[in-house]
Amino acid sequence: MNERPPGFPGFPFAIEGPSADKNFLFCGATIAMFLKNGASFHIGYDAQISENNYIAHSINAAARISF
């Protein structure tokens, strides 16, 4: 990929990296809690696993409170 930043027409740069895997497993789980007053909370876990020994983990959480 060769791109030129805006405002620098004579300044090319290249971004190189491994090609993206076409086969992978993406799985996750989330636990959510909803309260009577409209507040909600959740926490989740996701994993992406590819056949080239690549594993990515993520944990996310959120709290929503009405006021």
C-alpha atoms as a PDB file:
ATOM      1  CA  MET A   1       0.000   0.000   0.000  1.00  0.00           C
ATOM      2  CA  ASN A   2       1.474   3.360  -0.996  1.00  0.00           C
ATOM      3  CA  GLU A   3      -0.246   6.513   0.184  1.00  0.00           C
ATOM      4  CA  ARG A   4       0.589  10.200   0.135  1.00  0.00           C
ATOM      5  CA  PRO A   5      -0.337  12.315   3.154  1.00  0.00           C
ATOM      6  CA  PRO A   6      -2.519  15.351   2.331  1.00  0.00           C
ATOM      7  CA  GLY A   7      -0.374  18.420   1.725  1.00  0.00           C
ATOM      8  CA  PHE A   8       2.778  16.394   0.975  1.00  0.00           C
ATOM      9  CA  PRO A   9       2.518  15.339  -2.691  1.00  0.00           C
ATOM     10  CA  GLY A  10       6.199  14.319  -2.959  1.00  0.00           C
ATOM     11  CA  PHE A  11       6.286  12.299   0.268  1.00  0.00           C
ATOM     12  CA  PRO A  12       5.249   8.681  -0.370  1.00  0.00           C
ATOM     13  CA  PHE A  13       5.312   6.101   2.383  1.00  0.00           C
ATOM     14  CA  ALA A  14       4.556   2.403   2.544  1.00  0.00           C
ATOM     15  CA  ILE A  15       2.836   0.315   5.179  1.00  0.00           C
ATOM     16  CA  GLU A  16       3.911  -3.299   5.261  1.00  0.00           C
ATOM     17  CA  GLY A  17       2.658  -6.105   7.444  1.00  0.00           C
ATOM     18  CA  PRO A  18       1.574  -9.699   7.390  1.00  0.00           C
ATOM     19  CA  SER A  19      -1.344 -10.594   5.178  1.00  0.00           C
ATOM     20  CA  ALA A  20      -4.641 -11.024   6.958  1.00  0.00           C
ATOM     21  CA  ASP A  21      -5.770 -14.542   7.786  1.00  0.00           C
ATOM     22  CA  LYS A  22      -8.838 -15.691   5.920  1.00  0.00           C
ATOM     23  CA  ASN A  23      -9.779 -18.417   8.410  1.00  0.00           C
ATOM     24  CA  PHE A  24     -10.270 -17.632  12.062  1.00  0.00           C
ATOM     25  CA  LEU A  25     -12.607 -18.320  14.967  1.00  0.00           C
ATOM     26  CA  PHE A  26     -14.206 -15.405  16.790  1.00  0.00           C
ATOM     27  CA  CYS A  27     -16.040 -16.246  20.013  1.00  0.00           C
ATOM     28  CA  GLY A  28     -17.131 -14.432  23.113  1.00  0.00           C
ATOM     29  CA  ALA A  29     -19.443 -14.211  26.069  1.00  0.00           C
ATOM     30  CA  THR A  30     -21.247 -11.331  27.755  1.00  0.00           C
ATOM     31  CA  ILE A  31     -23.090 -11.018  31.044  1.00  0.00           C
ATOM     32  CA  ALA A  32     -25.575  -8.155  31.338  1.00  0.00           C
ATOM     33  CA  MET A  33     -27.689  -6.817  34.200  1.00  0.00           C
ATOM     34  CA  PHE A  34     -30.652  -4.473  33.747  1.00  0.00           C
ATOM     35  CA  LEU A  35     -32.130  -2.686  36.761  1.00  0.00           C
ATOM     36  CA  LYS A  36     -35.680  -1.389  37.192  1.00  0.00           C
ATOM     37  CA  ASN A  37     -34.507   2.237  37.338  1.00  0.00           C
ATOM     38  CA  GLY A  38     -33.130   2.011  33.772  1.00  0.00           C
ATOM     39  CA  ALA A  39     -29.487   1.430  34.687  1.00  0.00           C
ATOM     40  CA  SER A  40     -27.616  -1.393  33.016  1.00  0.00           C
ATOM     41  CA  PHE A  41     -24.222  -2.994  33.373  1.00  0.00           C
ATOM     42  CA  HIS A  42     -22.363  -5.520  31.272  1.00  0.00           C
ATOM     43  CA  ILE A  43     -19.002  -7.225  31.073  1.00  0.00           C
ATOM     44  CA  GLY A  44     -17.789  -9.278  28.129  1.00  0.00           C
ATOM     45  CA  TYR A  45     -14.897 -11.325  26.823  1.00  0.00           C
ATOM     46  CA  ASP A  46     -13.971 -11.962  23.180  1.00  0.00           C
ATOM     47  CA  ALA A  47     -11.264 -14.090  21.577  1.00  0.00           C
ATOM     48  CA  GLN A  48     -10.062 -14.281  17.992  1.00  0.00           C
ATOM     49  CA  ILE A  49      -8.019 -17.360  17.091  1.00  0.00           C
ATOM     50  CA  SER A  50      -6.421 -17.987  13.701  1.00  0.00           C
ATOM     51  CA  GLU A  51      -4.631 -20.967  12.250  1.00  0.00           C
ATOM     52  CA  ASN A  52      -1.253 -19.150  12.279  1.00  0.00           C
ATOM     53  CA  ASN A  53      -0.914 -19.180  16.102  1.00  0.00           C
ATOM     54  CA  TYR A  54      -2.486 -15.721  16.393  1.00  0.00           C
ATOM     55  CA  ILE A  55      -4.739 -15.190  19.421  1.00  0.00           C
ATOM     56  CA  ALA A  56      -6.282 -11.857  20.410  1.00  0.00           C
ATOM     57  CA  HIS A  57      -8.207 -11.399  23.651  1.00  0.00           C
ATOM     58  CA  SER A  58     -10.381  -8.484  24.674  1.00  0.00           C
ATOM     59  CA  ILE A  59     -12.402  -7.654  27.762  1.00  0.00           C
ATOM     60  CA  ASN A  60     -14.956  -4.874  27.786  1.00  0.00           C
ATOM     61  CA  ALA A  61     -17.326  -3.454  30.352  1.00  0.00           C
ATOM     62  CA  ALA A  62     -19.954  -0.746  30.408  1.00  0.00           C
ATOM     63  CA  ALA A  63     -22.285   0.987  32.821  1.00  0.00           C
ATOM     64  CA  ARG A  64     -25.269   3.016  31.674  1.00  0.00           C
ATOM     65  CA  ILE A  65     -27.132   5.146  34.147  1.00  0.00           C
ATOM     66  CA  SER A  66     -30.036   7.411  33.288  1.00  0.00           C
ATOM     67  CA  PHE A  67     -30.232  10.823  34.956  1.00  0.00           C
END
